[in-house]
Structure formats: structure tokens, C-alpha cells
Amino acid sequence: MKLQKWLLVATSLMAMSSPAHALCVHNGELYAKTTLRQEYREARWVVRARVLSASNWENGEGSGTLYRLQVVRRFKGELPDQFAFSTERNSGGFYLDNESGKTDVGDDYLLFLVPNPRSASEPPMVRNSLWVNYSCGQSRRWSAVASADRAELAALSLH
């Protein structure tokens, strides 16, 4: 019985590790705990950004949402004042949605951003969008960023 349970878990994890069924994996570790400093170092861009709009997309491998964002403050890297952020709609996605599941237009987020790793296989509207470094990591609604984390971000941005 234990072997059957183990095989079921292993098979499920292997099936979900495809791009269409992502999990929260960071550097090969499932549900890794990251620090603000670690993700700051890994991200190409770190910003506080406001959600302007969203549109859904689909391709043969999956679906997602493309958000249009306005930079409120840059902590790391140079981005245009407005940019596109995309996420897949799966277990590894990072959604800029409110509690009711609607796009969080007007709210601010702290985002640790990287280039889209799948840009070549994405629909044209998504190809130049950015992704969060780790969906289960330090990116979050700005109102949830503690004052100590805000101070750490300010200090990191000086270097």
C-alpha cells in the first residue's frame, strides 16, 4: 500500500512538472523559503508597480493573464514607466487579483521580476512580458510588505 501511494505521488509530481502544470519550485526545491535579499539578488528588476489592466491569453500548452503595470518605484534595474507582466493560470502562477478573483486594478505590488523564460513559445502578446522570479516567494501586494522589509529594500537599492 505504501508503494502504491508513493508511486501515485511521484507520478503526479512528474506530470505536474511540465510547463503546462507548474508547481512552486525555486532552484529545484519544492515550496522553497526565500528571503527578500536572496530574491533581490536573483531578480533583474525589483519594483513597486500599480496594476492598470489585464487580459487573458491562451495557447496550445496553457493559458494565463497579461497585466499592464505602471512603475511606482524602482528598487533595482531600469524598466519603462509602463510594462507587461504575464503569469500562467496554474499552480505556479502569480496572480494580481483581489480576494474575489477580479483583477486588482489600482493596487500596488512588490515584484521581483525576470525575463519570460518561455517567450519563444508564448502567444505574440506575451512574448516580451516579464515574470516574477518565484511565484511563492517575496513578490506580494504592497500593503502586505512590512515596514522592516520596506527599509531593507530601500537599503538594498542604494548598492
Protein backbone atom coordinates (compact mmCIF):
# COMPACT_ATOMS: atom_id res chain seq x y z
CA MET A 1 0.00 0.00 0.00
CA LYS A 2 2.82 2.43 0.84
CA LEU A 3 4.48 1.70 -2.51
CA GLN A 4 1.24 2.46 -4.37
CA LYS A 5 0.85 5.75 -2.51
CA TRP A 6 4.47 6.70 -3.23
CA LEU A 7 4.06 5.84 -6.93
CA LEU A 8 0.90 7.93 -7.13
CA VAL A 9 2.65 10.95 -5.58
CA ALA A 10 5.74 10.53 -7.79
CA THR A 11 3.66 10.17 -10.95
CA SER A 12 1.57 13.23 -10.05
CA LEU A 13 4.66 15.34 -9.44
CA MET A 14 6.25 14.26 -12.71
CA ALA A 15 3.08 15.05 -14.64
CA MET A 16 2.77 18.44 -12.99
CA SER A 17 6.37 19.43 -13.65
CA SER A 18 5.67 20.13 -17.31
CA PRO A 19 5.35 23.80 -18.31
CA ALA A 20 1.59 23.45 -18.55
CA HIS A 21 1.31 22.24 -14.93
CA ALA A 22 3.85 24.19 -12.90
CA LEU A 23 4.43 23.96 -9.17
CA CYS A 24 6.10 26.40 -6.81
CA VAL A 25 9.68 25.32 -7.40
CA HIS A 26 12.68 27.53 -6.75
CA ASN A 27 16.13 26.34 -7.84
CA GLY A 28 14.89 22.74 -7.83
CA GLU A 29 13.33 22.90 -4.35
CA LEU A 30 9.57 22.48 -3.96
CA TYR A 31 7.99 25.32 -1.92
CA ALA A 32 11.38 26.78 -1.02
CA LYS A 33 11.51 29.56 1.57
CA THR A 34 13.35 32.52 0.07
CA THR A 35 14.48 35.77 1.64
CA LEU A 36 13.95 39.27 0.37
CA ARG A 37 17.71 39.71 -0.04
CA GLN A 38 18.01 36.44 -1.98
CA GLU A 39 15.25 37.31 -4.44
CA TYR A 40 16.57 40.85 -4.79
CA ARG A 41 19.91 39.38 -5.85
CA GLU A 42 18.28 36.92 -8.30
CA ALA A 43 15.85 39.34 -9.96
CA ARG A 44 16.86 41.59 -12.84
CA TRP A 45 14.23 44.17 -11.85
CA VAL A 46 12.61 44.92 -8.49
CA VAL A 47 9.72 47.39 -8.48
CA ARG A 48 6.66 48.60 -6.72
CA ALA A 49 4.10 48.63 -9.53
CA ARG A 50 0.42 49.52 -9.90
CA VAL A 51 -1.99 47.28 -11.83
CA LEU A 52 -3.56 49.14 -14.76
CA SER A 53 -5.32 46.37 -16.69
CA ALA A 54 -5.36 42.67 -17.54
CA SER A 55 -6.20 40.46 -20.50
CA ASN A 56 -6.34 36.69 -20.71
CA TRP A 57 -4.32 34.67 -23.21
CA GLU A 58 -4.27 31.07 -24.38
CA ASN A 59 -2.05 28.84 -26.47
CA GLY A 60 -1.90 25.11 -27.14
CA GLU A 61 0.02 24.48 -23.90
CA GLY A 62 -1.94 26.56 -21.41
CA SER A 63 -3.46 29.88 -20.52
CA GLY A 64 -2.60 32.92 -18.49
CA THR A 65 -3.07 36.60 -17.86
CA LEU A 66 -1.12 39.53 -19.24
CA TYR A 67 -1.12 42.54 -16.91
CA ARG A 68 -0.25 46.11 -17.85
CA LEU A 69 1.58 47.76 -14.93
CA GLN A 70 2.80 51.26 -14.02
CA VAL A 71 6.09 51.61 -12.12
CA VAL A 72 5.56 53.45 -8.83
CA ARG A 73 9.13 52.98 -7.56
CA ARG A 74 12.22 51.26 -8.94
CA PHE A 75 14.42 49.39 -6.46
CA LYS A 76 16.60 47.58 -8.99
CA GLY A 77 17.03 47.78 -12.76
CA GLU A 78 15.58 50.09 -15.37
CA LEU A 79 12.11 49.42 -16.73
CA PRO A 80 9.90 51.71 -18.80
CA ASP A 81 7.23 53.56 -16.81
CA GLN A 82 4.69 51.02 -18.09
CA PHE A 83 5.46 47.37 -18.75
CA ALA A 84 3.77 43.99 -19.24
CA PHE A 85 3.80 41.18 -16.69
CA SER A 86 2.49 37.71 -17.51
CA THR A 87 1.63 34.67 -15.45
CA GLU A 88 0.26 31.27 -16.34
CA ARG A 89 -3.05 30.18 -14.84
CA ASN A 90 -1.83 27.11 -12.96
CA SER A 91 -0.45 26.13 -9.56
CA GLY A 92 2.76 28.05 -10.22
CA GLY A 93 1.11 31.30 -11.26
CA PHE A 94 1.36 34.66 -9.50
CA TYR A 95 -1.93 36.49 -9.90
CA LEU A 96 -2.54 40.19 -9.41
CA ASP A 97 -6.11 39.53 -8.33
CA ASN A 98 -8.15 40.61 -5.32
CA GLU A 99 -9.94 38.29 -2.91
CA SER A 100 -12.94 37.97 -5.23
CA GLY A 101 -10.73 36.80 -8.11
CA LYS A 102 -11.04 40.02 -10.11
CA THR A 103 -8.01 41.87 -11.45
CA ASP A 104 -6.63 44.10 -8.71
CA VAL A 105 -6.71 47.30 -10.83
CA GLY A 106 -5.32 50.26 -8.90
CA ASP A 107 -3.50 48.21 -6.26
CA ASP A 108 0.29 48.16 -5.88
CA TYR A 109 2.57 45.13 -5.77
CA LEU A 110 6.19 44.49 -4.87
CA LEU A 111 7.55 42.44 -7.78
CA PHE A 112 10.86 40.64 -8.21
CA LEU A 113 11.00 40.27 -11.99
CA VAL A 114 12.90 38.24 -14.57
CA PRO A 115 12.62 37.89 -18.36
CA ASN A 116 9.93 35.50 -19.59
CA PRO A 117 11.70 32.10 -19.75
CA ARG A 118 9.26 30.74 -22.35
CA SER A 119 8.99 33.80 -24.58
CA ALA A 120 9.51 31.89 -27.85
CA SER A 121 6.58 29.51 -27.23
CA GLU A 122 4.14 32.12 -25.91
CA PRO A 123 1.46 33.96 -27.89
CA PRO A 124 2.78 37.16 -29.54
CA MET A 125 1.11 39.46 -26.99
CA VAL A 126 3.02 37.74 -24.15
CA ARG A 127 6.49 37.27 -25.65
CA ASN A 128 8.09 40.43 -24.28
CA SER A 129 6.39 40.31 -20.89
CA LEU A 130 8.17 39.78 -17.59
CA TRP A 131 7.62 37.08 -14.95
CA VAL A 132 8.11 37.03 -11.19
CA ASN A 133 11.31 35.38 -10.04
CA TYR A 134 9.42 32.88 -7.83
CA SER A 135 5.63 32.77 -7.57
CA CYS A 136 5.66 31.52 -3.97
CA GLY A 137 8.41 33.88 -2.87
CA GLN A 138 8.77 37.51 -1.89
CA SER A 139 6.58 39.18 -4.55
CA ARG A 140 3.32 40.32 -2.94
CA ARG A 141 0.71 43.04 -2.58
CA TRP A 142 2.46 46.23 -1.41
CA SER A 143 0.11 46.59 1.57
CA ALA A 144 1.48 43.25 2.85
CA VAL A 145 5.12 44.44 2.78
CA ALA A 146 6.21 45.00 6.38
CA SER A 147 8.00 48.22 7.33
CA ALA A 148 11.19 46.25 8.05
CA ASP A 149 11.07 44.80 4.52
CA ARG A 150 10.48 48.27 3.07
CA ALA A 151 13.55 49.52 4.93
CA GLU A 152 15.60 46.54 3.69
CA LEU A 153 14.50 47.22 0.09
CA ALA A 154 15.49 50.87 0.41
CA ALA A 155 18.92 49.85 1.75
CA LEU A 156 19.45 47.23 -0.97
CA SER A 157 18.54 49.75 -3.67
CA LEU A 158 21.40 52.02 -2.57
CA HIS A 159 24.05 49.47 -3.55
